[in-house]
Amino acid sequence: MVSINSLEMSSSGFDKNGIDKSGIHWLQYASFVVTALAIYFGWAFLNDTNFHHFVVKIFKFWNCNGYNPLSYCLMRLKVDFYP
């Protein structure tokens, strides 16, 4: 049986400055993950047509600037060609 005291979340492996035992700051780990995701999504955007089409639809929806009604933005999301 596991006691509740052994499941404390306070022991993270980082000291008060955010550095672990091997001398790496926690933000370096976060930047590595962000870089890896950027490389993967960049590759997928350029090489996968379905993902490219999905991203273009998202950008078309985000491009609605507030002057247009929401129905216009949703209509642009449903259109299947690139303006």
PDB file of N, CA and C in Angstrom:
ATOM      1  N   MET A   1       0.839  -1.166   0.000  1.00  0.00           N
ATOM      2  CA  MET A   1       0.000   0.000   0.000  1.00  0.00           C
ATOM      3  C   MET A   1       0.890   1.237   0.000  1.00  0.00           C
ATOM      4  N   VAL A   2       0.535   2.210  -0.850  1.00  0.00           N
ATOM      5  CA  VAL A   2       1.305   3.439  -0.972  1.00  0.00           C
ATOM      6  C   VAL A   2       0.726   4.468  -0.022  1.00  0.00           C
ATOM      7  N   SER A   3       1.611   5.044   0.770  1.00  0.00           N
ATOM      8  CA  SER A   3       1.128   6.080   1.688  1.00  0.00           C
ATOM      9  C   SER A   3       1.007   7.412   0.963  1.00  0.00           C
ATOM     10  N   ILE A   4       0.189   8.277   1.469  1.00  0.00           N
ATOM     11  CA  ILE A   4      -0.045   9.581   0.849  1.00  0.00           C
ATOM     12  C   ILE A   4       1.205  10.449   0.943  1.00  0.00           C
ATOM     13  N   ASN A   5       2.005  10.276   1.962  1.00  0.00           N
ATOM     14  CA  ASN A   5       3.204  11.096   2.131  1.00  0.00           C
ATOM     15  C   ASN A   5       4.233  10.844   1.046  1.00  0.00           C
ATOM     16  N   SER A   6       4.254   9.662   0.441  1.00  0.00           N
ATOM     17  CA  SER A   6       5.241   9.383  -0.593  1.00  0.00           C
ATOM     18  C   SER A   6       4.836   9.952  -1.944  1.00  0.00           C
ATOM     19  N   LEU A   7       3.623  10.482  -2.076  1.00  0.00           N
ATOM     20  CA  LEU A   7       3.154  11.038  -3.335  1.00  0.00           C
ATOM     21  C   LEU A   7       3.146  12.561  -3.346  1.00  0.00           C
ATOM     22  N   GLU A   8       3.996  13.184  -2.558  1.00  0.00           N
ATOM     23  CA  GLU A   8       4.047  14.635  -2.507  1.00  0.00           C
ATOM     24  C   GLU A   8       4.577  15.189  -3.823  1.00  0.00           C
ATOM     25  N   MET A   9       4.039  16.320  -4.227  1.00  0.00           N
ATOM     26  CA  MET A   9       4.446  16.947  -5.475  1.00  0.00           C
ATOM     27  C   MET A   9       5.560  17.975  -5.270  1.00  0.00           C
ATOM     28  N   SER A  10       6.063  18.129  -4.075  1.00  0.00           N
ATOM     29  CA  SER A  10       7.050  19.163  -3.813  1.00  0.00           C
ATOM     30  C   SER A  10       8.449  18.785  -4.292  1.00  0.00           C
ATOM     31  N   SER A  11       8.743  17.521  -4.465  1.00  0.00           N
ATOM     32  CA  SER A  11      10.078  17.130  -4.902  1.00  0.00           C
ATOM     33  C   SER A  11      10.103  17.061  -6.416  1.00  0.00           C
ATOM     34  N   SER A  12      10.683  18.085  -7.052  1.00  0.00           N
ATOM     35  CA  SER A  12      10.666  18.181  -8.508  1.00  0.00           C
ATOM     36  C   SER A  12      12.015  17.902  -9.139  1.00  0.00           C
ATOM     37  N   GLY A  13      13.082  17.870  -8.385  1.00  0.00           N
ATOM     38  CA  GLY A  13      14.403  17.659  -8.948  1.00  0.00           C
ATOM     39  C   GLY A  13      15.096  18.948  -9.341  1.00  0.00           C
ATOM     40  N   PHE A  14      14.429  20.085  -9.201  1.00  0.00           N
ATOM     41  CA  PHE A  14      15.023  21.383  -9.512  1.00  0.00           C
ATOM     42  C   PHE A  14      15.278  22.139  -8.218  1.00  0.00           C
ATOM     43  N   ASP A  15      16.372  22.900  -8.199  1.00  0.00           N
ATOM     44  CA  ASP A  15      16.649  23.698  -7.012  1.00  0.00           C
ATOM     45  C   ASP A  15      15.869  25.010  -7.067  1.00  0.00           C
ATOM     46  N   LYS A  16      16.160  25.932  -6.148  1.00  0.00           N
ATOM     47  CA  LYS A  16      15.388  27.177  -6.079  1.00  0.00           C
ATOM     48  C   LYS A  16      15.625  28.085  -7.286  1.00  0.00           C
ATOM     49  N   ASN A  17      16.721  27.871  -8.024  1.00  0.00           N
ATOM     50  CA  ASN A  17      17.001  28.653  -9.223  1.00  0.00           C
ATOM     51  C   ASN A  17      16.465  28.003 -10.493  1.00  0.00           C
ATOM     52  N   GLY A  18      15.850  26.828 -10.378  1.00  0.00           N
ATOM     53  CA  GLY A  18      15.288  26.151 -11.537  1.00  0.00           C
ATOM     54  C   GLY A  18      16.267  25.272 -12.272  1.00  0.00           C
ATOM     55  N   ILE A  19      17.352  24.870 -11.617  1.00  0.00           N
ATOM     56  CA  ILE A  19      18.380  24.049 -12.255  1.00  0.00           C
ATOM     57  C   ILE A  19      18.339  22.655 -11.650  1.00  0.00           C
ATOM     58  N   ASP A  20      18.412  21.633 -12.533  1.00  0.00           N
ATOM     59  CA  ASP A  20      18.375  20.259 -12.030  1.00  0.00           C
ATOM     60  C   ASP A  20      19.791  19.769 -11.719  1.00  0.00           C
ATOM     61  N   LYS A  21      19.924  18.478 -11.410  1.00  0.00           N
ATOM     62  CA  LYS A  21      21.222  17.929 -10.984  1.00  0.00           C
ATOM     63  C   LYS A  21      22.274  17.964 -12.077  1.00  0.00           C
ATOM     64  N   SER A  22      21.858  17.893 -13.357  1.00  0.00           N
ATOM     65  CA  SER A  22      22.838  17.911 -14.444  1.00  0.00           C
ATOM     66  C   SER A  22      23.186  19.326 -14.903  1.00  0.00           C
ATOM     67  N   GLY A  23      22.613  20.343 -14.269  1.00  0.00           N
ATOM     68  CA  GLY A  23      22.959  21.731 -14.565  1.00  0.00           C
ATOM     69  C   GLY A  23      22.116  22.360 -15.654  1.00  0.00           C
ATOM     70  N   ILE A  24      20.987  21.782 -15.995  1.00  0.00           N
ATOM     71  CA  ILE A  24      20.125  22.311 -17.048  1.00  0.00           C
ATOM     72  C   ILE A  24      18.932  23.015 -16.418  1.00  0.00           C
ATOM     73  N   HIS A  25      18.664  24.224 -16.893  1.00  0.00           N
ATOM     74  CA  HIS A  25      17.539  25.002 -16.392  1.00  0.00           C
ATOM     75  C   HIS A  25      16.245  24.442 -16.975  1.00  0.00           C
ATOM     76  N   TRP A  26      15.142  24.595 -16.248  1.00  0.00           N
ATOM     77  CA  TRP A  26      13.869  24.033 -16.708  1.00  0.00           C
ATOM     78  C   TRP A  26      13.400  24.687 -17.995  1.00  0.00           C
ATOM     79  N   LEU A  27      13.779  25.952 -18.220  1.00  0.00           N
ATOM     80  CA  LEU A  27      13.375  26.641 -19.431  1.00  0.00           C
ATOM     81  C   LEU A  27      14.082  26.078 -20.664  1.00  0.00           C
ATOM     82  N   GLN A  28      15.270  25.484 -20.476  1.00  0.00           N
ATOM     83  CA  GLN A  28      15.945  24.826 -21.590  1.00  0.00           C
ATOM     84  C   GLN A  28      15.168  23.591 -22.040  1.00  0.00           C
ATOM     85  N   TYR A  29      14.590  22.870 -21.097  1.00  0.00           N
ATOM     86  CA  TYR A  29      13.743  21.733 -21.463  1.00  0.00           C
ATOM     87  C   TYR A  29      12.512  22.215 -22.231  1.00  0.00           C
ATOM     88  N   ALA A  30      11.911  23.296 -21.762  1.00  0.00           N
ATOM     89  CA  ALA A  30      10.721  23.829 -22.426  1.00  0.00           C
ATOM     90  C   ALA A  30      11.055  24.316 -23.835  1.00  0.00           C
ATOM     91  N   SER A  31      12.199  24.975 -24.007  1.00  0.00           N
ATOM     92  CA  SER A  31      12.570  25.454 -25.341  1.00  0.00           C
ATOM     93  C   SER A  31      12.886  24.297 -26.277  1.00  0.00           C
ATOM     94  N   PHE A  32      13.424  23.206 -25.760  1.00  0.00           N
ATOM     95  CA  PHE A  32      13.667  22.025 -26.581  1.00  0.00           C
ATOM     96  C   PHE A  32      12.342  21.452 -27.094  1.00  0.00           C
ATOM     97  N   VAL A  33      11.351  21.377 -26.236  1.00  0.00           N
ATOM     98  CA  VAL A  33      10.038  20.845 -26.634  1.00  0.00           C
ATOM     99  C   VAL A  33       9.387  21.756 -27.665  1.00  0.00           C
ATOM    100  N   VAL A  34       9.441  23.068 -27.459  1.00  0.00           N
ATOM    101  CA  VAL A  34       8.849  24.011 -28.404  1.00  0.00           C
ATOM    102  C   VAL A  34       9.555  23.922 -29.755  1.00  0.00           C
ATOM    103  N   THR A  35      10.875  23.807 -29.762  1.00  0.00           N
ATOM    104  CA  THR A  35      11.622  23.675 -31.005  1.00  0.00           C
ATOM    105  C   THR A  35      11.265  22.390 -31.732  1.00  0.00           C
ATOM    106  N   ALA A  36      11.161  21.285 -30.998  1.00  0.00           N
ATOM    107  CA  ALA A  36      10.801  20.014 -31.623  1.00  0.00           C
ATOM    108  C   ALA A  36       9.404  20.077 -32.230  1.00  0.00           C
ATOM    109  N   LEU A  37       8.451  20.692 -31.525  1.00  0.00           N
ATOM    110  CA  LEU A  37       7.103  20.825 -32.068  1.00  0.00           C
ATOM    111  C   LEU A  37       7.074  21.745 -33.291  1.00  0.00           C
ATOM    112  N   ALA A  38       7.863  22.815 -33.273  1.00  0.00           N
ATOM    113  CA  ALA A  38       7.918  23.721 -34.426  1.00  0.00           C
ATOM    114  C   ALA A  38       8.484  23.018 -35.648  1.00  0.00           C
ATOM    115  N   ILE A  39       9.515  22.208 -35.464  1.00  0.00           N
ATOM    116  CA  ILE A  39      10.077  21.454 -36.584  1.00  0.00           C
ATOM    117  C   ILE A  39       9.064  20.461 -37.123  1.00  0.00           C
ATOM    118  N   TYR A  40       8.390  19.743 -36.239  1.00  0.00           N
ATOM    119  CA  TYR A  40       7.416  18.749 -36.677  1.00  0.00           C
ATOM    120  C   TYR A  40       6.249  19.404 -37.405  1.00  0.00           C
ATOM    121  N   PHE A  41       5.666  20.462 -36.819  1.00  0.00           N
ATOM    122  CA  PHE A  41       4.522  21.099 -37.452  1.00  0.00           C
ATOM    123  C   PHE A  41       4.921  21.830 -38.727  1.00  0.00           C
ATOM    124  N   GLY A  42       6.133  22.358 -38.791  1.00  0.00           N
ATOM    125  CA  GLY A  42       6.622  22.947 -40.040  1.00  0.00           C
ATOM    126  C   GLY A  42       6.744  21.910 -41.132  1.00  0.00           C
ATOM    127  N   TRP A  43       7.276  20.743 -40.797  1.00  0.00           N
ATOM    128  CA  TRP A  43       7.371  19.653 -41.769  1.00  0.00           C
ATOM    129  C   TRP A  43       5.980  19.209 -42.204  1.00  0.00           C
ATOM    130  N   ALA A  44       5.066  19.051 -41.267  1.00  0.00           N
ATOM    131  CA  ALA A  44       3.718  18.602 -41.596  1.00  0.00           C
ATOM    132  C   ALA A  44       2.997  19.638 -42.452  1.00  0.00           C
ATOM    133  N   PHE A  45       3.203  20.922 -42.193  1.00  0.00           N
ATOM    134  CA  PHE A  45       2.555  21.970 -42.974  1.00  0.00           C
ATOM    135  C   PHE A  45       3.035  21.949 -44.419  1.00  0.00           C
ATOM    136  N   LEU A  46       4.314  21.693 -44.614  1.00  0.00           N
ATOM    137  CA  LEU A  46       4.864  21.724 -45.967  1.00  0.00           C
ATOM    138  C   LEU A  46       4.679  20.413 -46.721  1.00  0.00           C
ATOM    139  N   ASN A  47       4.559  19.287 -46.044  1.00  0.00           N
ATOM    140  CA  ASN A  47       4.561  17.999 -46.734  1.00  0.00           C
ATOM    141  C   ASN A  47       3.245  17.238 -46.690  1.00  0.00           C
ATOM    142  N   ASP A  48       2.330  17.600 -45.826  1.00  0.00           N
ATOM    143  CA  ASP A  48       1.065  16.892 -45.725  1.00  0.00           C
ATOM    144  C   ASP A  48      -0.056  17.825 -46.174  1.00  0.00           C
ATOM    145  N   THR A  49      -0.720  17.493 -47.285  1.00  0.00           N
ATOM    146  CA  THR A  49      -1.728  18.400 -47.832  1.00  0.00           C
ATOM    147  C   THR A  49      -2.938  18.534 -46.919  1.00  0.00           C
ATOM    148  N   ASN A  50      -3.330  17.470 -46.230  1.00  0.00           N
ATOM    149  CA  ASN A  50      -4.471  17.570 -45.323  1.00  0.00           C
ATOM    150  C   ASN A  50      -4.175  18.502 -44.150  1.00  0.00           C
ATOM    151  N   PHE A  51      -2.989  18.394 -43.586  1.00  0.00           N
ATOM    152  CA  PHE A  51      -2.605  19.272 -42.477  1.00  0.00           C
ATOM    153  C   PHE A  51      -2.480  20.710 -42.965  1.00  0.00           C
ATOM    154  N   HIS A  52      -1.929  20.890 -44.157  1.00  0.00           N
ATOM    155  CA  HIS A  52      -1.801  22.222 -44.736  1.00  0.00           C
ATOM    156  C   HIS A  52      -3.180  22.862 -44.915  1.00  0.00           C
ATOM    157  N   HIS A  53      -4.109  22.094 -45.441  1.00  0.00           N
ATOM    158  CA  HIS A  53      -5.468  22.586 -45.643  1.00  0.00           C
ATOM    159  C   HIS A  53      -6.124  22.936 -44.300  1.00  0.00           C
ATOM    160  N   PHE A  54      -5.911  22.112 -43.286  1.00  0.00           N
ATOM    161  CA  PHE A  54      -6.444  22.359 -41.948  1.00  0.00           C
ATOM    162  C   PHE A  54      -5.892  23.658 -41.367  1.00  0.00           C
ATOM    163  N   VAL A  55      -4.596  23.881 -41.497  1.00  0.00           N
ATOM    164  CA  VAL A  55      -3.971  25.082 -40.952  1.00  0.00           C
ATOM    165  C   VAL A  55      -4.452  26.324 -41.694  1.00  0.00           C
ATOM    166  N   VAL A  56      -4.590  26.231 -43.007  1.00  0.00           N
ATOM    167  CA  VAL A  56      -5.076  27.378 -43.770  1.00  0.00           C
ATOM    168  C   VAL A  56      -6.496  27.729 -43.354  1.00  0.00           C
ATOM    169  N   LYS A  57      -7.336  26.725 -43.100  1.00  0.00           N
ATOM    170  CA  LYS A  57      -8.689  27.009 -42.627  1.00  0.00           C
ATOM    171  C   LYS A  57      -8.673  27.700 -41.262  1.00  0.00           C
ATOM    172  N   ILE A  58      -7.804  27.269 -40.379  1.00  0.00           N
ATOM    173  CA  ILE A  58      -7.694  27.921 -39.064  1.00  0.00           C
ATOM    174  C   ILE A  58      -7.246  29.371 -39.224  1.00  0.00           C
ATOM    175  N   PHE A  59      -6.242  29.616 -40.084  1.00  0.00           N
ATOM    176  CA  PHE A  59      -5.774  30.986 -40.284  1.00  0.00           C
ATOM    177  C   PHE A  59      -6.845  31.856 -40.938  1.00  0.00           C
ATOM    178  N   LYS A  60      -7.644  31.287 -41.829  1.00  0.00           N
ATOM    179  CA  LYS A  60      -8.735  32.053 -42.425  1.00  0.00           C
ATOM    180  C   LYS A  60      -9.754  32.442 -41.353  1.00  0.00           C
ATOM    181  N   PHE A  61     -10.039  31.546 -40.426  1.00  0.00           N
ATOM    182  CA  PHE A  61     -10.978  31.872 -39.355  1.00  0.00           C
ATOM    183  C   PHE A  61     -10.388  32.919 -38.411  1.00  0.00           C
ATOM    184  N   TRP A  62      -9.114  32.795 -38.077  1.00  0.00           N
ATOM    185  CA  TRP A  62      -8.472  33.770 -37.187  1.00  0.00           C
ATOM    186  C   TRP A  62      -8.349  35.140 -37.845  1.00  0.00           C
ATOM    187  N   ASN A  63      -8.385  35.166 -39.175  1.00  0.00           N
ATOM    188  CA  ASN A  63      -8.233  36.424 -39.891  1.00  0.00           C
ATOM    189  C   ASN A  63      -9.466  37.308 -39.771  1.00  0.00           C
ATOM    190  N   CYS A  64     -10.564  36.792 -39.290  1.00  0.00           N
ATOM    191  CA  CYS A  64     -11.752  37.625 -39.077  1.00  0.00           C
ATOM    192  C   CYS A  64     -11.417  38.650 -38.000  1.00  0.00           C
ATOM    193  N   ASN A  65     -11.601  39.912 -38.314  1.00  0.00           N
ATOM    194  CA  ASN A  65     -11.044  40.969 -37.482  1.00  0.00           C
ATOM    195  C   ASN A  65     -12.031  41.613 -36.524  1.00  0.00           C
ATOM    196  N   GLY A  66     -13.269  41.130 -36.446  1.00  0.00           N
ATOM    197  CA  GLY A  66     -14.223  41.721 -35.537  1.00  0.00           C
ATOM    198  C   GLY A  66     -15.189  42.653 -36.222  1.00  0.00           C
ATOM    199  N   TYR A  67     -14.835  43.148 -37.409  1.00  0.00           N
ATOM    200  CA  TYR A  67     -15.762  43.975 -38.165  1.00  0.00           C
ATOM    201  C   TYR A  67     -16.802  43.119 -38.879  1.00  0.00           C
ATOM    202  N   ASN A  68     -16.448  41.868 -39.136  1.00  0.00           N
ATOM    203  CA  ASN A  68     -17.361  40.950 -39.798  1.00  0.00           C
ATOM    204  C   ASN A  68     -18.147  40.175 -38.752  1.00  0.00           C
ATOM    205  N   PRO A  69     -19.405  39.829 -39.053  1.00  0.00           N
ATOM    206  CA  PRO A  69     -20.167  39.008 -38.094  1.00  0.00           C
ATOM    207  C   PRO A  69     -19.614  37.584 -38.038  1.00  0.00           C
ATOM    208  N   LEU A  70     -19.941  36.892 -36.968  1.00  0.00           N
ATOM    209  CA  LEU A  70     -19.456  35.534 -36.785  1.00  0.00           C
ATOM    210  C   LEU A  70     -19.950  34.612 -37.893  1.00  0.00           C
ATOM    211  N   SER A  71     -21.146  34.872 -38.428  1.00  0.00           N
ATOM    212  CA  SER A  71     -21.662  34.025 -39.510  1.00  0.00           C
ATOM    213  C   SER A  71     -20.772  34.121 -40.749  1.00  0.00           C
ATOM    214  N   TYR A  72     -20.211  35.308 -41.016  1.00  0.00           N
ATOM    215  CA  TYR A  72     -19.300  35.461 -42.147  1.00  0.00           C
ATOM    216  C   TYR A  72     -18.017  34.663 -41.919  1.00  0.00           C
ATOM    217  N   CYS A  73     -17.504  34.702 -40.697  1.00  0.00           N
ATOM    218  CA  CYS A  73     -16.284  33.951 -40.385  1.00  0.00           C
ATOM    219  C   CYS A  73     -16.526  32.456 -40.511  1.00  0.00           C
ATOM    220  N   LEU A  74     -17.675  31.986 -40.048  1.00  0.00           N
ATOM    221  CA  LEU A  74     -17.985  30.562 -40.168  1.00  0.00           C
ATOM    222  C   LEU A  74     -18.189  30.164 -41.622  1.00  0.00           C
ATOM    223  N   MET A  75     -18.755  31.068 -42.436  1.00  0.00           N
ATOM    224  CA  MET A  75     -18.917  30.785 -43.849  1.00  0.00           C
ATOM    225  C   MET A  75     -17.558  30.648 -44.528  1.00  0.00           C
ATOM    226  N   ARG A  76     -16.619  31.509 -44.160  1.00  0.00           N
ATOM    227  CA  ARG A  76     -15.272  31.421 -44.739  1.00  0.00           C
ATOM    228  C   ARG A  76     -14.586  30.135 -44.311  1.00  0.00           C
ATOM    229  N   LEU A  77     -14.906  29.635 -43.126  1.00  0.00           N
ATOM    230  CA  LEU A  77     -14.310  28.401 -42.646  1.00  0.00           C
ATOM    231  C   LEU A  77     -14.803  27.213 -43.467  1.00  0.00           C
ATOM    232  N   LYS A  78     -16.039  27.281 -43.952  1.00  0.00           N
ATOM    233  CA  LYS A  78     -16.615  26.171 -44.709  1.00  0.00           C
ATOM    234  C   LYS A  78     -16.212  26.175 -46.182  1.00  0.00           C
ATOM    235  N   VAL A  79     -15.728  27.297 -46.694  1.00  0.00           N
ATOM    236  CA  VAL A  79     -15.349  27.396 -48.102  1.00  0.00           C
ATOM    237  C   VAL A  79     -14.123  26.517 -48.340  1.00  0.00           C
ATOM    238  N   ASP A  80     -14.121  25.819 -49.459  1.00  0.00           N
ATOM    239  CA  ASP A  80     -13.086  24.821 -49.692  1.00  0.00           C
ATOM    240  C   ASP A  80     -12.032  25.258 -50.702  1.00  0.00           C
ATOM    241  N   PHE A  81     -11.801  26.537 -50.859  1.00  0.00           N
ATOM    242  CA  PHE A  81     -10.739  26.994 -51.748  1.00  0.00           C
ATOM    243  C   PHE A  81      -9.921  28.054 -51.035  1.00  0.00           C
ATOM    244  N   TYR A  82      -8.728  28.290 -51.546  1.00  0.00           N
ATOM    245  CA  TYR A  82      -7.831  29.264 -50.916  1.00  0.00           C
ATOM    246  C   TYR A  82      -8.042  30.610 -51.585  1.00  0.00           C
ATOM    247  N   PRO A  83      -8.413  31.647 -50.836  1.00  0.00           N
ATOM    248  CA  PRO A  83      -8.609  32.971 -51.457  1.00  0.00           C
ATOM    249  C   PRO A  83      -7.283  33.634 -51.769  1.00  0.00           C
TER     250      PRO A  83
END
